[in-house]
Amino acid sequence: MDSPSTKPDTSLRKDYRYNMKAVLQKKSRVYMLVKRIFDILSSGFALLILSPVLIITAIAIKLEDGGPVIYSADRWGKDMQNFRMHKFRSMRVNAEAMIGELLKDSEMTGHAFKIKNDPRITRVGHFIRKYSIDELPQLWNIFVGDMSVVGPRAIMTVGTDTIDDYDKQRWLVRPGLTCYWQVSGRANIKWEQWVEMDLDYIENMSLWEDFKLILKTFPVVFKADGAY
């Protein structure tokens, strides 16, 4: 089984994609501004409307084991700048201490890390991860500008020390709550395919593309395909 630090397969790489920065620079400044305004308004509105869900989830997590409700961890943001990403805690309190011994069991290739039957996940955690409720606190990250509603997935920085310049291009834009990966199978997708999807997004990003991805996200979340 491949570990997160295994050198990824390069067979899917497209020659013209070695300069995605130039592709991004051609995007309309008006689009970028509207995208940011939409992020602020939509995340603020969602935080307000979903506040009952946020409160109920927080109570359930606290009642299960008395530990912290929110889990915050370092992630790479735009231009690979670190930020603290927030999620509802879905794992045991000592989960980070166990990650070293679990890296070898990752069911993802390349630089992503996921285990289908992760022993660190709590009972409440299984439910909120299945329906992506654990990710709702990221709405705050979107509101303050660390993330966007639509953009490449934020991943753990563990095991990314060998990542190369081609793959690093996925961090040219803000990470997002949803993306091509999110609506196309999530954890069932291998790392090298995942990177190409992220570069697809950077190449195709527009208001219409963002709108389509947001619409596709809702049925995927409720179906819970590839979520664990």
C-alpha atoms as a PDB file:
ATOM      1  CA  MET A   1       0.000   0.000   0.000  1.00  0.00           C
ATOM      2  CA  ASP A   2       1.314   3.448  -0.910  1.00  0.00           C
ATOM      3  CA  SER A   3       2.149   5.807   1.930  1.00  0.00           C
ATOM      4  CA  PRO A   4       1.450   9.565   1.811  1.00  0.00           C
ATOM      5  CA  SER A   5       5.155  10.240   1.150  1.00  0.00           C
ATOM      6  CA  THR A   6       5.383   7.888  -1.844  1.00  0.00           C
ATOM      7  CA  LYS A   7       6.451   9.670  -5.032  1.00  0.00           C
ATOM      8  CA  PRO A   8       3.271  10.155  -7.110  1.00  0.00           C
ATOM      9  CA  ASP A   9       2.724   8.765 -10.571  1.00  0.00           C
ATOM     10  CA  THR A  10       3.520  11.480 -13.149  1.00  0.00           C
ATOM     11  CA  SER A  11       1.844   9.832 -16.131  1.00  0.00           C
ATOM     12  CA  LEU A  12      -1.259  12.042 -15.900  1.00  0.00           C
ATOM     13  CA  ARG A  13       0.647  15.314 -16.050  1.00  0.00           C
ATOM     14  CA  LYS A  14       0.029  17.595 -18.995  1.00  0.00           C
ATOM     15  CA  ASP A  15       3.004  19.482 -20.423  1.00  0.00           C
ATOM     16  CA  TYR A  16       1.207  22.815 -20.774  1.00  0.00           C
ATOM     17  CA  ARG A  17       0.299  22.770 -17.099  1.00  0.00           C
ATOM     18  CA  TYR A  18       3.780  23.459 -15.788  1.00  0.00           C
ATOM     19  CA  ASN A  19       2.974  27.184 -15.737  1.00  0.00           C
ATOM     20  CA  MET A  20      -0.478  27.422 -14.191  1.00  0.00           C
ATOM     21  CA  LYS A  21       0.480  30.752 -12.641  1.00  0.00           C
ATOM     22  CA  ALA A  22       0.302  32.316 -16.099  1.00  0.00           C
ATOM     23  CA  VAL A  23      -3.141  30.753 -16.593  1.00  0.00           C
ATOM     24  CA  LEU A  24      -4.347  32.214 -13.298  1.00  0.00           C
ATOM     25  CA  GLN A  25      -3.027  35.680 -14.129  1.00  0.00           C
ATOM     26  CA  LYS A  26      -5.357  35.801 -17.134  1.00  0.00           C
ATOM     27  CA  LYS A  27      -8.436  35.458 -14.947  1.00  0.00           C
ATOM     28  CA  SER A  28     -10.630  38.540 -14.729  1.00  0.00           C
ATOM     29  CA  ARG A  29     -10.028  40.769 -11.705  1.00  0.00           C
ATOM     30  CA  VAL A  30     -13.757  41.399 -11.620  1.00  0.00           C
ATOM     31  CA  TYR A  31     -14.362  37.655 -11.241  1.00  0.00           C
ATOM     32  CA  MET A  32     -11.829  37.438  -8.416  1.00  0.00           C
ATOM     33  CA  LEU A  33     -13.494  40.357  -6.625  1.00  0.00           C
ATOM     34  CA  VAL A  34     -17.001  38.960  -7.082  1.00  0.00           C
ATOM     35  CA  LYS A  35     -15.786  35.551  -5.911  1.00  0.00           C
ATOM     36  CA  ARG A  36     -14.477  37.072  -2.681  1.00  0.00           C
ATOM     37  CA  ILE A  37     -17.652  39.084  -2.101  1.00  0.00           C
ATOM     38  CA  PHE A  38     -19.708  35.931  -2.620  1.00  0.00           C
ATOM     39  CA  ASP A  39     -17.497  34.071  -0.135  1.00  0.00           C
ATOM     40  CA  ILE A  40     -18.103  36.692   2.547  1.00  0.00           C
ATOM     41  CA  LEU A  41     -21.848  36.961   2.029  1.00  0.00           C
ATOM     42  CA  SER A  42     -22.553  33.243   1.601  1.00  0.00           C
ATOM     43  CA  SER A  43     -20.409  32.083   4.527  1.00  0.00           C
ATOM     44  CA  GLY A  44     -21.844  34.755   6.827  1.00  0.00           C
ATOM     45  CA  PHE A  45     -25.394  33.826   5.843  1.00  0.00           C
ATOM     46  CA  ALA A  46     -24.686  30.099   6.232  1.00  0.00           C
ATOM     47  CA  LEU A  47     -23.197  30.580   9.701  1.00  0.00           C
ATOM     48  CA  LEU A  48     -26.383  32.384  10.748  1.00  0.00           C
ATOM     49  CA  ILE A  49     -28.863  29.943   9.182  1.00  0.00           C
ATOM     50  CA  LEU A  50     -26.984  26.831  10.311  1.00  0.00           C
ATOM     51  CA  SER A  51     -26.407  28.069  13.860  1.00  0.00           C
ATOM     52  CA  PRO A  52     -28.876  25.500  15.338  1.00  0.00           C
ATOM     53  CA  VAL A  53     -26.933  22.669  13.642  1.00  0.00           C
ATOM     54  CA  LEU A  54     -23.656  24.130  14.898  1.00  0.00           C
ATOM     55  CA  ILE A  55     -24.968  24.332  18.472  1.00  0.00           C
ATOM     56  CA  ILE A  56     -26.443  20.803  18.478  1.00  0.00           C
ATOM     57  CA  THR A  57     -23.236  19.350  17.027  1.00  0.00           C
ATOM     58  CA  ALA A  58     -21.113  21.151  19.612  1.00  0.00           C
ATOM     59  CA  ILE A  59     -23.269  19.800  22.455  1.00  0.00           C
ATOM     60  CA  ALA A  60     -23.116  16.236  21.078  1.00  0.00           C
ATOM     61  CA  ILE A  61     -19.317  16.324  20.829  1.00  0.00           C
ATOM     62  CA  LYS A  62     -18.965  17.732  24.338  1.00  0.00           C
ATOM     63  CA  LEU A  63     -21.334  15.173  25.850  1.00  0.00           C
ATOM     64  CA  GLU A  64     -19.549  12.219  24.269  1.00  0.00           C
ATOM     65  CA  ASP A  65     -16.140  12.618  25.884  1.00  0.00           C
ATOM     66  CA  GLY A  66     -15.905  16.109  27.376  1.00  0.00           C
ATOM     67  CA  GLY A  67     -13.096  17.119  25.016  1.00  0.00           C
ATOM     68  CA  PRO A  68     -12.745  20.253  22.872  1.00  0.00           C
ATOM     69  CA  VAL A  69     -15.539  20.906  20.379  1.00  0.00           C
ATOM     70  CA  ILE A  70     -13.365  22.496  17.684  1.00  0.00           C
ATOM     71  CA  TYR A  71     -10.261  20.960  16.142  1.00  0.00           C
ATOM     72  CA  SER A  72      -7.852  23.435  14.557  1.00  0.00           C
ATOM     73  CA  ALA A  73      -4.832  22.427  12.524  1.00  0.00           C
ATOM     74  CA  ASP A  74      -2.257  23.933  10.187  1.00  0.00           C
ATOM     75  CA  ARG A  75      -3.068  23.809   6.492  1.00  0.00           C
ATOM     76  CA  TRP A  76      -1.467  25.367   3.457  1.00  0.00           C
ATOM     77  CA  GLY A  77      -3.520  28.164   1.973  1.00  0.00           C
ATOM     78  CA  LYS A  78      -3.038  30.331  -1.092  1.00  0.00           C
ATOM     79  CA  ASP A  79       0.629  30.438  -2.172  1.00  0.00           C
ATOM     80  CA  MET A  80       1.324  27.751   0.448  1.00  0.00           C
ATOM     81  CA  GLN A  81       0.936  30.181   3.333  1.00  0.00           C
ATOM     82  CA  ASN A  82      -0.014  28.463   6.595  1.00  0.00           C
ATOM     83  CA  PHE A  83      -3.375  29.107   8.219  1.00  0.00           C
ATOM     84  CA  ARG A  84      -5.361  27.459  11.001  1.00  0.00           C
ATOM     85  CA  MET A  85      -8.289  25.512   9.575  1.00  0.00           C
ATOM     86  CA  HIS A  86     -11.213  24.782  11.900  1.00  0.00           C
ATOM     87  CA  LYS A  87     -13.433  21.695  12.015  1.00  0.00           C
ATOM     88  CA  PHE A  88     -15.734  20.077  14.510  1.00  0.00           C
ATOM     89  CA  ARG A  89     -13.638  17.502  16.357  1.00  0.00           C
ATOM     90  CA  SER A  90     -14.555  14.059  15.039  1.00  0.00           C
ATOM     91  CA  MET A  91     -11.622  12.163  16.556  1.00  0.00           C
ATOM     92  CA  ARG A  92     -10.383  11.230  19.992  1.00  0.00           C
ATOM     93  CA  VAL A  93      -8.557  13.903  21.940  1.00  0.00           C
ATOM     94  CA  ASN A  94      -5.158  12.219  21.421  1.00  0.00           C
ATOM     95  CA  ALA A  95      -5.679  11.652  17.681  1.00  0.00           C
ATOM     96  CA  GLU A  96      -2.638  13.647  16.545  1.00  0.00           C
ATOM     97  CA  ALA A  97      -0.313  11.575  18.724  1.00  0.00           C
ATOM     98  CA  MET A  98      -1.417   8.454  16.854  1.00  0.00           C
ATOM     99  CA  ILE A  99      -0.930   9.697  13.302  1.00  0.00           C
ATOM    100  CA  GLY A 100       2.717   8.615  13.000  1.00  0.00           C
ATOM    101  CA  GLU A 101       1.868   4.957  13.469  1.00  0.00           C
ATOM    102  CA  LEU A 102      -1.144   5.187  11.119  1.00  0.00           C
ATOM    103  CA  LEU A 103       0.542   6.811   8.103  1.00  0.00           C
ATOM    104  CA  LYS A 104       1.465   3.402   6.726  1.00  0.00           C
ATOM    105  CA  ASP A 105      -2.225   2.428   6.645  1.00  0.00           C
ATOM    106  CA  SER A 106      -3.372   5.385   4.550  1.00  0.00           C
ATOM    107  CA  GLU A 107      -5.765   4.379   1.785  1.00  0.00           C
ATOM    108  CA  MET A 108      -4.866   7.441  -0.288  1.00  0.00           C
ATOM    109  CA  THR A 109      -1.915   7.744  -2.648  1.00  0.00           C
ATOM    110  CA  GLY A 110       0.532  10.620  -2.877  1.00  0.00           C
ATOM    111  CA  HIS A 111       0.341  13.331  -0.226  1.00  0.00           C
ATOM    112  CA  ALA A 112      -3.178  12.805   1.143  1.00  0.00           C
ATOM    113  CA  PHE A 113      -4.018  10.794   4.249  1.00  0.00           C
ATOM    114  CA  LYS A 114      -7.250   8.916   4.924  1.00  0.00           C
ATOM    115  CA  ILE A 115      -8.211   5.591   6.512  1.00  0.00           C
ATOM    116  CA  LYS A 116     -11.713   4.182   5.981  1.00  0.00           C
ATOM    117  CA  ASN A 117     -11.960   2.605   9.444  1.00  0.00           C
ATOM    118  CA  ASP A 118      -9.814   5.102  11.296  1.00  0.00           C
ATOM    119  CA  PRO A 119      -9.663   3.926  14.944  1.00  0.00           C
ATOM    120  CA  ARG A 120      -9.403   7.520  16.156  1.00  0.00           C
ATOM    121  CA  ILE A 121     -12.910   8.531  15.057  1.00  0.00           C
ATOM    122  CA  THR A 122     -15.585   8.873  17.753  1.00  0.00           C
ATOM    123  CA  ARG A 123     -19.229   7.783  17.475  1.00  0.00           C
ATOM    124  CA  VAL A 124     -20.407  11.351  16.908  1.00  0.00           C
ATOM    125  CA  GLY A 125     -17.447  11.795  14.583  1.00  0.00           C
ATOM    126  CA  HIS A 126     -18.601   9.000  12.274  1.00  0.00           C
ATOM    127  CA  PHE A 127     -21.935  10.724  11.751  1.00  0.00           C
ATOM    128  CA  ILE A 128     -20.697  14.270  11.257  1.00  0.00           C
ATOM    129  CA  ARG A 129     -17.949  13.141   8.879  1.00  0.00           C
ATOM    130  CA  LYS A 130     -20.379  11.082   6.802  1.00  0.00           C
ATOM    131  CA  TYR A 131     -22.502  14.141   6.089  1.00  0.00           C
ATOM    132  CA  SER A 132     -19.636  16.697   6.130  1.00  0.00           C
ATOM    133  CA  ILE A 133     -21.077  18.438   9.195  1.00  0.00           C
ATOM    134  CA  ASP A 134     -17.582  18.404  10.693  1.00  0.00           C
ATOM    135  CA  GLU A 135     -16.510  20.883   8.019  1.00  0.00           C
ATOM    136  CA  LEU A 136     -19.061  23.585   8.823  1.00  0.00           C
ATOM    137  CA  PRO A 137     -16.650  25.599  11.032  1.00  0.00           C
ATOM    138  CA  GLN A 138     -14.626  26.166   7.854  1.00  0.00           C
ATOM    139  CA  LEU A 139     -17.321  28.698   6.972  1.00  0.00           C
ATOM    140  CA  TRP A 140     -15.468  30.983   9.376  1.00  0.00           C
ATOM    141  CA  ASN A 141     -12.222  30.354   7.475  1.00  0.00           C
ATOM    142  CA  ILE A 142     -14.069  31.384   4.319  1.00  0.00           C
ATOM    143  CA  PHE A 143     -15.536  34.492   5.963  1.00  0.00           C
ATOM    144  CA  VAL A 144     -12.117  35.780   7.101  1.00  0.00           C
ATOM    145  CA  GLY A 145     -10.416  34.987   3.789  1.00  0.00           C
ATOM    146  CA  ASP A 146      -8.322  31.890   4.520  1.00  0.00           C
ATOM    147  CA  MET A 147     -10.495  29.805   2.217  1.00  0.00           C
ATOM    148  CA  SER A 148     -13.106  30.105  -0.519  1.00  0.00           C
ATOM    149  CA  VAL A 149     -16.419  28.312  -1.000  1.00  0.00           C
ATOM    150  CA  VAL A 150     -14.980  26.698  -4.143  1.00  0.00           C
ATOM    151  CA  GLY A 151     -11.323  25.773  -4.505  1.00  0.00           C
ATOM    152  CA  PRO A 152      -8.831  22.903  -4.136  1.00  0.00           C
ATOM    153  CA  ARG A 153      -9.219  20.859  -0.994  1.00  0.00           C
ATOM    154  CA  ALA A 154      -7.103  21.821   2.039  1.00  0.00           C
ATOM    155  CA  ILE A 155      -5.011  18.815   3.067  1.00  0.00           C
ATOM    156  CA  MET A 156      -2.771  17.904   5.984  1.00  0.00           C
ATOM    157  CA  THR A 157       0.811  19.147   5.765  1.00  0.00           C
ATOM    158  CA  VAL A 158       2.072  15.845   7.221  1.00  0.00           C
ATOM    159  CA  GLY A 159       3.964  13.859   4.587  1.00  0.00           C
ATOM    160  CA  THR A 160       4.144  16.726   2.093  1.00  0.00           C
ATOM    161  CA  ASP A 161       7.875  17.391   2.480  1.00  0.00           C
ATOM    162  CA  THR A 162       8.588  15.662  -0.850  1.00  0.00           C
ATOM    163  CA  ILE A 163       5.856  17.382  -2.854  1.00  0.00           C
ATOM    164  CA  ASP A 164       7.167  18.733  -6.162  1.00  0.00           C
ATOM    165  CA  ASP A 165       6.636  22.037  -7.998  1.00  0.00           C
ATOM    166  CA  TYR A 166       4.007  20.642 -10.363  1.00  0.00           C
ATOM    167  CA  ASP A 167       1.737  19.496  -7.525  1.00  0.00           C
ATOM    168  CA  LYS A 168       2.361  22.699  -5.565  1.00  0.00           C
ATOM    169  CA  GLN A 169       0.464  24.586  -8.260  1.00  0.00           C
ATOM    170  CA  ARG A 170      -2.814  23.477  -6.681  1.00  0.00           C
ATOM    171  CA  TRP A 171      -2.057  26.032  -3.940  1.00  0.00           C
ATOM    172  CA  LEU A 172      -2.029  29.001  -6.336  1.00  0.00           C
ATOM    173  CA  VAL A 173      -5.580  29.754  -5.194  1.00  0.00           C
ATOM    174  CA  ARG A 174      -7.397  29.655  -1.870  1.00  0.00           C
ATOM    175  CA  PRO A 175      -8.424  26.170  -0.724  1.00  0.00           C
ATOM    176  CA  GLY A 176     -12.152  25.556  -0.849  1.00  0.00           C
ATOM    177  CA  LEU A 177     -15.018  23.881   0.939  1.00  0.00           C
ATOM    178  CA  THR A 178     -15.987  22.141  -2.296  1.00  0.00           C
ATOM    179  CA  CYS A 179     -14.202  21.303  -5.541  1.00  0.00           C
ATOM    180  CA  TYR A 180     -14.103  18.761  -8.373  1.00  0.00           C
ATOM    181  CA  TRP A 181     -12.674  16.218  -5.917  1.00  0.00           C
ATOM    182  CA  GLN A 182     -15.581  16.751  -3.530  1.00  0.00           C
ATOM    183  CA  VAL A 183     -18.213  16.013  -6.183  1.00  0.00           C
ATOM    184  CA  SER A 184     -16.364  13.197  -7.975  1.00  0.00           C
ATOM    185  CA  GLY A 185     -15.806  10.478  -5.381  1.00  0.00           C
ATOM    186  CA  ARG A 186     -13.705  12.172  -2.691  1.00  0.00           C
ATOM    187  CA  ALA A 187     -11.619   9.553  -0.879  1.00  0.00           C
ATOM    188  CA  ASN A 188     -11.984   7.127  -3.796  1.00  0.00           C
ATOM    189  CA  ILE A 189      -9.746   9.336  -5.956  1.00  0.00           C
ATOM    190  CA  LYS A 190      -5.985   8.844  -6.133  1.00  0.00           C
ATOM    191  CA  TRP A 191      -3.635  11.740  -5.461  1.00  0.00           C
ATOM    192  CA  GLU A 192      -2.367  12.166  -9.030  1.00  0.00           C
ATOM    193  CA  GLN A 193      -5.953  12.376 -10.325  1.00  0.00           C
ATOM    194  CA  TRP A 194      -6.800  14.751  -7.507  1.00  0.00           C
ATOM    195  CA  VAL A 195      -4.028  17.176  -8.519  1.00  0.00           C
ATOM    196  CA  GLU A 196      -5.222  17.165 -12.130  1.00  0.00           C
ATOM    197  CA  MET A 197      -8.753  17.938 -10.955  1.00  0.00           C
ATOM    198  CA  ASP A 198      -7.458  20.902  -8.958  1.00  0.00           C
ATOM    199  CA  LEU A 199      -5.538  22.200 -11.966  1.00  0.00           C
ATOM    200  CA  ASP A 200      -8.693  21.654 -14.056  1.00  0.00           C
ATOM    201  CA  TYR A 201     -10.458  23.983 -11.647  1.00  0.00           C
ATOM    202  CA  ILE A 202      -7.769  26.673 -11.837  1.00  0.00           C
ATOM    203  CA  GLU A 203      -7.935  26.471 -15.625  1.00  0.00           C
ATOM    204  CA  ASN A 204     -11.756  26.578 -15.771  1.00  0.00           C
ATOM    205  CA  MET A 205     -12.593  28.744 -12.753  1.00  0.00           C
ATOM    206  CA  SER A 206     -15.399  31.226 -13.386  1.00  0.00           C
ATOM    207  CA  LEU A 207     -18.626  32.299 -11.707  1.00  0.00           C
ATOM    208  CA  TRP A 208     -20.578  29.741 -13.740  1.00  0.00           C
ATOM    209  CA  GLU A 209     -18.138  26.948 -12.866  1.00  0.00           C
ATOM    210  CA  ASP A 210     -18.311  27.850  -9.181  1.00  0.00           C
ATOM    211  CA  PHE A 211     -22.104  27.876  -9.305  1.00  0.00           C
ATOM    212  CA  LYS A 212     -22.238  24.428 -10.941  1.00  0.00           C
ATOM    213  CA  LEU A 213     -19.870  22.954  -8.355  1.00  0.00           C
ATOM    214  CA  ILE A 214     -21.913  24.350  -5.472  1.00  0.00           C
ATOM    215  CA  LEU A 215     -25.107  22.833  -6.909  1.00  0.00           C
ATOM    216  CA  LYS A 216     -23.416  19.451  -7.396  1.00  0.00           C
ATOM    217  CA  THR A 217     -22.146  19.448  -3.813  1.00  0.00           C
ATOM    218  CA  PHE A 218     -25.517  19.135  -2.055  1.00  0.00           C
ATOM    219  CA  PRO A 219     -26.581  15.719  -3.441  1.00  0.00           C
ATOM    220  CA  VAL A 220     -23.032  14.380  -2.985  1.00  0.00           C
ATOM    221  CA  VAL A 221     -23.003  15.379   0.685  1.00  0.00           C
ATOM    222  CA  PHE A 222     -26.373  13.742   1.378  1.00  0.00           C
ATOM    223  CA  LYS A 223     -25.363  10.612  -0.507  1.00  0.00           C
ATOM    224  CA  ALA A 224     -22.091  10.524   1.485  1.00  0.00           C
ATOM    225  CA  ASP A 225     -20.221   8.783  -1.343  1.00  0.00           C
ATOM    226  CA  GLY A 226     -16.510   8.485  -0.587  1.00  0.00           C
ATOM    227  CA  ALA A 227     -16.890  10.214   2.778  1.00  0.00           C
ATOM    228  CA  TYR A 228     -14.955   8.817   5.768  1.00  0.00           C
END
